[in-house]
Amino acid sequence: MKPLLLLLIPLCFLMMPANRGQCQTQKITDFTRDIAPILQERCVSCHNGEKARNGFVVLDRDAFLGFVEPGKTDASSMWTDYLIQASKEKQADSLVMPPDGPLKAAELALIRLWIEEGAEWPVADKPPTESATSFIRRVFLALGYFHPAMVHFPIALFVVGGFCSFLSYFLGARCQSTAFQCLVLAVLTSVMTVIMGWGFAEIKGYPAWNKMLSSNATHDEVNFFYHRWLGTLTALLGVVCVIAGLISRRNRSKSWNHGWRIGAILLAALVGLVGHQGGELVYGDIFEKAIERLLK
């Protein structure tokens, strides 16, 4: 027995360093489990798609790792220049990300540990492509591309409907009937256009619907924020006006009749504002350019 024990003891010592090495290489963090959800929740709303802020797509593996020095947080600009900066309330020119940051302590701790452990981002963990999403979602996004073309129909119909509604107070029932027909068609097309607009916003990388304006939002971001919500409000108010018009026709109510006609006039003004905001997003400040051209 003793000779056998003498042989086993050295073997145990030879095995121990190998086991230690295996323990040391075991990572605590995992990109898919720990880091990707943070980026998805806190960063994607601004840094995604064709209009990603500053052209930085956060889920682009190569782009993100370009700001990271694996194993060295102090040498990683993503960490030093953006993640651990003071909040904008304390330092107005802070580059902290996200703009309403910094991140929670637990999130920062995970990212720091991930960098120190080598910042491993498996190629297989790139963000899912649109082909991997559900059919309904792919249809929703595909229809988004038609928003810029479709939006002209409800704008024209709301304007004509509002104009005819105004004339109905002077020219009578014929203009009133035309106004109501235009209003119905405007509401139907505006609801479709609004749905397309939300898809188009996602394609272009604008912030999600539940993302409020940050304190350092750009002019385009402010413009888009109000364009999206005023456009949605226009469609909803249009539905209310159509319901009021149907009630007035059924009950022969003068108050309901005045209500939907005045609503149609106000909607024509509102859709003009919304349309101007959309034009600015595509063409820039058209009034400023027109004045500049006039004074040349």
Protein backbone atom coordinates (compact mmCIF):
# COMPACT_ATOMS: atom_id res chain seq x y z
CA MET A 1 0.00 0.00 0.00
CA LYS A 2 2.77 2.45 0.90
CA PRO A 3 4.46 2.34 -2.52
CA LEU A 4 1.05 3.00 -4.12
CA LEU A 5 0.44 6.03 -1.87
CA LEU A 6 3.88 7.37 -2.69
CA LEU A 7 2.95 7.25 -6.37
CA LEU A 8 -0.46 8.92 -5.87
CA ILE A 9 0.82 11.92 -3.87
CA PRO A 10 3.00 13.34 -6.70
CA LEU A 11 0.16 12.77 -9.15
CA CYS A 12 -2.19 14.86 -6.98
CA PHE A 13 0.31 17.71 -6.88
CA LEU A 14 0.72 17.53 -10.66
CA MET A 15 -3.03 17.81 -11.15
CA MET A 16 -3.55 20.79 -8.81
CA PRO A 17 -1.94 23.50 -10.99
CA ALA A 18 -4.04 22.40 -13.97
CA ASN A 19 -7.21 22.71 -11.90
CA ARG A 20 -6.14 26.15 -10.66
CA GLY A 21 -5.58 27.30 -14.23
CA GLN A 22 -9.06 26.14 -15.23
CA CYS A 23 -10.60 28.06 -12.32
CA GLN A 24 -8.67 31.20 -13.17
CA THR A 25 -9.86 31.20 -16.82
CA GLN A 26 -13.51 30.83 -15.88
CA LYS A 27 -15.33 34.11 -16.57
CA ILE A 28 -17.87 35.61 -14.21
CA THR A 29 -19.55 37.76 -16.86
CA ASP A 30 -21.16 36.66 -20.09
CA PHE A 31 -21.86 39.16 -22.89
CA THR A 32 -25.20 37.71 -23.97
CA ARG A 33 -26.50 37.29 -20.45
CA ASP A 34 -25.08 40.37 -18.70
CA ILE A 35 -23.94 43.08 -21.14
CA ALA A 36 -26.24 42.87 -24.19
CA PRO A 37 -29.43 43.52 -22.13
CA ILE A 38 -27.87 46.71 -20.70
CA LEU A 39 -26.96 48.00 -24.16
CA GLN A 40 -30.39 47.04 -25.49
CA GLU A 41 -32.29 48.80 -22.71
CA ARG A 42 -30.15 51.89 -22.15
CA CYS A 43 -28.41 52.65 -25.46
CA VAL A 44 -30.28 51.29 -28.50
CA SER A 45 -32.99 53.96 -28.47
CA CYS A 46 -30.43 56.60 -29.57
CA HIS A 47 -27.58 54.58 -31.09
CA ASN A 48 -29.28 52.39 -33.64
CA GLY A 49 -30.27 52.40 -37.30
CA GLU A 50 -29.44 54.83 -40.09
CA LYS A 51 -29.84 57.90 -37.85
CA ALA A 52 -27.85 56.63 -34.89
CA ARG A 53 -26.54 59.56 -32.87
CA ASN A 54 -23.05 60.55 -34.03
CA GLY A 55 -23.17 57.57 -36.41
CA PHE A 56 -22.41 55.16 -33.56
CA VAL A 57 -24.44 51.92 -33.59
CA VAL A 58 -24.03 50.46 -30.12
CA LEU A 59 -24.80 46.87 -31.13
CA ASP A 60 -22.19 46.94 -33.88
CA ARG A 61 -19.57 44.64 -32.38
CA ASP A 62 -16.56 46.16 -34.14
CA ALA A 63 -17.68 49.74 -33.51
CA PHE A 64 -18.22 49.16 -29.79
CA LEU A 65 -15.01 47.21 -29.23
CA GLY A 66 -13.13 50.03 -30.96
CA PHE A 67 -13.65 52.03 -27.73
CA VAL A 68 -12.60 49.17 -25.45
CA GLU A 69 -9.15 47.92 -24.42
CA PRO A 70 -9.75 44.31 -23.27
CA GLY A 71 -8.49 43.79 -19.74
CA LYS A 72 -7.91 47.51 -19.08
CA THR A 73 -10.79 49.73 -18.01
CA ASP A 74 -8.50 52.73 -17.47
CA ALA A 75 -7.37 52.52 -21.11
CA SER A 76 -10.92 52.02 -22.50
CA SER A 77 -12.37 55.31 -23.68
CA MET A 78 -15.88 53.84 -23.55
CA TRP A 79 -15.40 53.52 -19.80
CA THR A 80 -13.36 56.63 -18.98
CA ASP A 81 -14.87 59.16 -21.41
CA TYR A 82 -18.53 58.15 -21.38
CA LEU A 83 -19.68 55.65 -18.76
CA ILE A 84 -18.15 57.08 -15.58
CA GLN A 85 -18.49 60.78 -16.36
CA ALA A 86 -20.54 63.01 -14.05
CA SER A 87 -24.22 63.57 -14.83
CA LYS A 88 -25.17 66.58 -16.94
CA GLU A 89 -26.91 68.09 -13.92
CA LYS A 90 -23.54 68.33 -12.17
CA GLN A 91 -21.45 69.06 -15.26
CA ALA A 92 -23.18 70.64 -18.27
CA ASP A 93 -20.54 69.60 -20.81
CA SER A 94 -20.32 66.01 -19.57
CA LEU A 95 -20.16 63.30 -22.26
CA VAL A 96 -21.87 60.79 -19.99
CA MET A 97 -23.82 58.04 -21.74
CA PRO A 98 -26.71 57.62 -21.71
CA PRO A 99 -27.50 61.37 -21.61
CA ASP A 100 -29.67 60.88 -18.52
CA GLY A 101 -26.94 58.72 -16.93
CA PRO A 102 -24.68 57.59 -15.60
CA LEU A 103 -25.80 53.97 -15.54
CA LYS A 104 -26.79 52.27 -12.32
CA ALA A 105 -23.94 51.09 -10.11
CA ALA A 106 -24.77 47.43 -10.74
CA GLU A 107 -24.73 47.96 -14.52
CA LEU A 108 -21.40 49.79 -14.35
CA ALA A 109 -19.94 47.03 -12.18
CA LEU A 110 -20.92 44.38 -14.74
CA ILE A 111 -19.45 46.34 -17.66
CA ARG A 112 -16.24 47.02 -15.76
CA LEU A 113 -15.82 43.37 -14.84
CA TRP A 114 -16.59 42.34 -18.42
CA ILE A 115 -13.84 44.64 -19.74
CA GLU A 116 -11.36 43.45 -17.12
CA GLU A 117 -12.11 39.84 -18.02
CA GLY A 118 -11.21 40.50 -21.65
CA ALA A 119 -14.36 42.09 -23.13
CA GLU A 120 -15.34 38.93 -24.99
CA TRP A 121 -18.11 39.59 -27.53
CA PRO A 122 -18.71 36.41 -29.54
CA VAL A 123 -19.36 37.00 -33.23
CA ALA A 124 -22.48 34.86 -32.93
CA ASP A 125 -23.89 37.40 -30.50
CA LYS A 126 -24.41 40.14 -33.04
CA PRO A 127 -27.88 41.68 -32.86
CA PRO A 128 -30.59 39.60 -34.56
CA THR A 129 -31.38 40.50 -38.15
CA GLU A 130 -34.82 41.59 -39.24
CA SER A 131 -35.29 38.26 -40.99
CA ALA A 132 -35.28 36.57 -37.60
CA THR A 133 -38.19 38.69 -36.32
CA SER A 134 -41.86 37.77 -36.55
CA PHE A 135 -43.78 38.14 -39.81
CA ILE A 136 -46.08 40.83 -38.36
CA ARG A 137 -43.10 42.89 -37.20
CA ARG A 138 -41.40 42.59 -40.58
CA VAL A 139 -44.60 43.79 -42.28
CA PHE A 140 -44.79 46.70 -39.80
CA LEU A 141 -41.24 47.78 -40.59
CA ALA A 142 -41.62 47.23 -44.33
CA LEU A 143 -44.71 49.48 -44.42
CA GLY A 144 -42.69 52.14 -42.62
CA TYR A 145 -40.85 52.94 -45.84
CA PHE A 146 -44.12 54.14 -47.40
CA HIS A 147 -44.77 56.79 -44.73
CA PRO A 148 -43.10 59.70 -46.62
CA ALA A 149 -45.22 58.95 -49.70
CA MET A 150 -48.53 58.24 -47.94
CA VAL A 151 -48.44 61.24 -45.60
CA HIS A 152 -49.40 63.68 -48.38
CA PHE A 153 -52.87 62.14 -48.78
CA PRO A 154 -54.24 62.84 -45.27
CA ILE A 155 -52.57 66.27 -45.24
CA ALA A 156 -54.36 67.29 -48.44
CA LEU A 157 -57.68 65.81 -47.28
CA PHE A 158 -57.53 67.49 -43.86
CA VAL A 159 -56.78 70.85 -45.50
CA VAL A 160 -59.58 70.53 -48.07
CA GLY A 161 -61.96 69.26 -45.38
CA GLY A 162 -61.16 72.18 -43.10
CA PHE A 163 -61.52 74.68 -45.95
CA CYS A 164 -64.90 73.24 -47.00
CA SER A 165 -66.02 73.19 -43.38
CA PHE A 166 -65.22 76.90 -43.13
CA LEU A 167 -67.09 77.63 -46.39
CA SER A 168 -70.11 75.64 -45.16
CA TYR A 169 -70.94 78.50 -42.79
CA PHE A 170 -71.45 80.71 -45.86
CA LEU A 171 -72.41 78.32 -48.69
CA GLY A 172 -74.52 75.79 -46.83
CA ALA A 173 -75.07 72.02 -46.91
CA ARG A 174 -73.19 71.20 -50.11
CA CYS A 175 -69.84 72.33 -48.69
CA GLN A 176 -70.68 70.68 -45.39
CA SER A 177 -71.22 67.31 -47.08
CA THR A 178 -67.92 67.62 -48.96
CA ALA A 179 -66.13 68.60 -45.76
CA PHE A 180 -67.41 65.52 -43.92
CA GLN A 181 -66.47 63.15 -46.76
CA CYS A 182 -62.95 64.61 -46.87
CA LEU A 183 -62.69 64.32 -43.09
CA VAL A 184 -63.65 60.61 -43.13
CA LEU A 185 -61.11 59.83 -45.85
CA ALA A 186 -58.46 61.93 -44.06
CA VAL A 187 -58.95 60.02 -40.81
CA LEU A 188 -58.75 56.61 -42.50
CA THR A 189 -55.53 57.49 -44.33
CA SER A 190 -54.04 59.32 -41.32
CA VAL A 191 -54.42 56.29 -39.07
CA MET A 192 -52.59 54.18 -41.66
CA THR A 193 -49.94 56.87 -42.09
CA VAL A 194 -49.34 57.17 -38.34
CA ILE A 195 -48.80 53.41 -38.07
CA MET A 196 -46.35 53.60 -40.96
CA GLY A 197 -44.67 56.58 -39.29
CA TRP A 198 -43.92 54.65 -36.13
CA GLY A 199 -42.31 51.91 -38.20
CA PHE A 200 -40.35 54.48 -40.22
CA ALA A 201 -39.09 56.06 -36.98
CA GLU A 202 -37.73 52.72 -35.83
CA ILE A 203 -36.04 52.12 -39.17
CA LYS A 204 -34.36 55.53 -38.97
CA GLY A 205 -33.12 54.86 -35.43
CA TYR A 206 -35.18 57.51 -33.64
CA PRO A 207 -35.82 57.03 -29.90
CA ALA A 208 -38.49 54.55 -28.80
CA TRP A 209 -42.03 55.76 -28.06
CA ASN A 210 -41.39 55.73 -24.29
CA LYS A 211 -38.12 57.67 -24.55
CA MET A 212 -38.54 61.28 -23.44
CA LEU A 213 -36.44 64.17 -24.69
CA SER A 214 -33.02 64.45 -23.07
CA SER A 215 -31.66 67.78 -21.85
CA ASN A 216 -29.14 67.91 -24.71
CA ALA A 217 -31.48 66.81 -27.52
CA THR A 218 -30.62 68.15 -30.96
CA HIS A 219 -32.98 70.33 -33.01
CA ASP A 220 -33.88 67.36 -35.23
CA GLU A 221 -34.62 65.16 -32.21
CA VAL A 222 -36.90 67.83 -30.69
CA ASN A 223 -38.59 68.34 -34.05
CA PHE A 224 -39.14 64.63 -34.54
CA PHE A 225 -40.43 64.13 -30.99
CA TYR A 226 -43.23 66.67 -31.46
CA HIS A 227 -43.84 65.64 -35.08
CA ARG A 228 -44.52 62.05 -34.03
CA TRP A 229 -46.81 62.86 -31.13
CA LEU A 230 -48.67 65.72 -32.86
CA GLY A 231 -49.21 63.46 -35.87
CA THR A 232 -50.68 60.77 -33.63
CA LEU A 233 -52.83 63.38 -31.85
CA THR A 234 -54.11 64.65 -35.22
CA ALA A 235 -55.33 61.18 -36.18
CA LEU A 236 -57.03 60.69 -32.80
CA LEU A 237 -58.74 64.09 -32.92
CA GLY A 238 -59.86 63.28 -36.47
CA VAL A 239 -61.56 60.12 -35.20
CA VAL A 240 -63.34 62.20 -32.53
CA CYS A 241 -64.54 64.70 -35.16
CA VAL A 242 -65.89 61.93 -37.41
CA ILE A 243 -67.79 60.43 -34.45
CA ALA A 244 -69.18 63.89 -33.65
CA GLY A 245 -70.25 64.28 -37.29
CA LEU A 246 -72.04 60.93 -37.27
CA ILE A 247 -73.85 61.84 -34.03
CA SER A 248 -74.91 65.20 -35.49
CA ARG A 249 -76.33 63.49 -38.59
CA ARG A 250 -78.22 60.93 -36.56
CA ASN A 251 -79.65 63.30 -33.90
CA ARG A 252 -79.93 66.42 -36.05
CA SER A 253 -77.99 68.20 -33.30
CA LYS A 254 -76.76 71.72 -34.06
CA SER A 255 -74.17 71.66 -31.26
CA TRP A 256 -72.60 68.41 -32.51
CA ASN A 257 -72.76 69.78 -36.06
CA HIS A 258 -70.86 72.92 -35.07
CA GLY A 259 -68.46 70.78 -33.05
CA TRP A 260 -67.22 68.55 -35.87
CA ARG A 261 -67.03 71.46 -38.37
CA ILE A 262 -64.95 73.61 -36.03
CA GLY A 263 -62.84 70.54 -35.26
CA ALA A 264 -62.23 70.03 -38.98
CA ILE A 265 -61.01 73.63 -39.31
CA LEU A 266 -58.66 73.23 -36.33
CA LEU A 267 -57.36 69.93 -37.72
CA ALA A 268 -56.47 71.64 -40.99
CA ALA A 269 -54.31 74.10 -39.03
CA LEU A 270 -52.79 71.35 -36.89
CA VAL A 271 -51.93 69.14 -39.86
CA GLY A 272 -50.20 72.13 -41.44
CA LEU A 273 -47.92 72.36 -38.39
CA VAL A 274 -47.26 68.61 -38.38
CA GLY A 275 -46.55 68.64 -42.10
CA HIS A 276 -44.10 71.51 -41.70
CA GLN A 277 -42.23 69.56 -39.01
CA GLY A 278 -42.03 66.55 -41.31
CA GLY A 279 -40.75 68.76 -44.11
CA GLU A 280 -38.02 70.13 -41.85
CA LEU A 281 -36.89 66.61 -41.00
CA VAL A 282 -36.46 65.83 -44.70
CA TYR A 283 -35.49 69.16 -46.25
CA GLY A 284 -34.27 71.24 -43.30
CA ASP A 285 -35.67 74.65 -42.36
CA ILE A 286 -37.50 75.48 -45.59
CA PHE A 287 -38.52 78.99 -44.45
CA GLU A 288 -34.94 79.88 -43.60
CA LYS A 289 -33.75 78.54 -46.97
CA ALA A 290 -36.54 80.37 -48.81
CA ILE A 291 -35.70 83.71 -47.12
CA GLU A 292 -31.99 83.16 -47.77
CA ARG A 293 -32.72 82.51 -51.46
CA LEU A 294 -34.98 85.57 -51.66
CA LEU A 295 -32.36 87.90 -50.20
CA LYS A 296 -29.54 86.71 -52.45
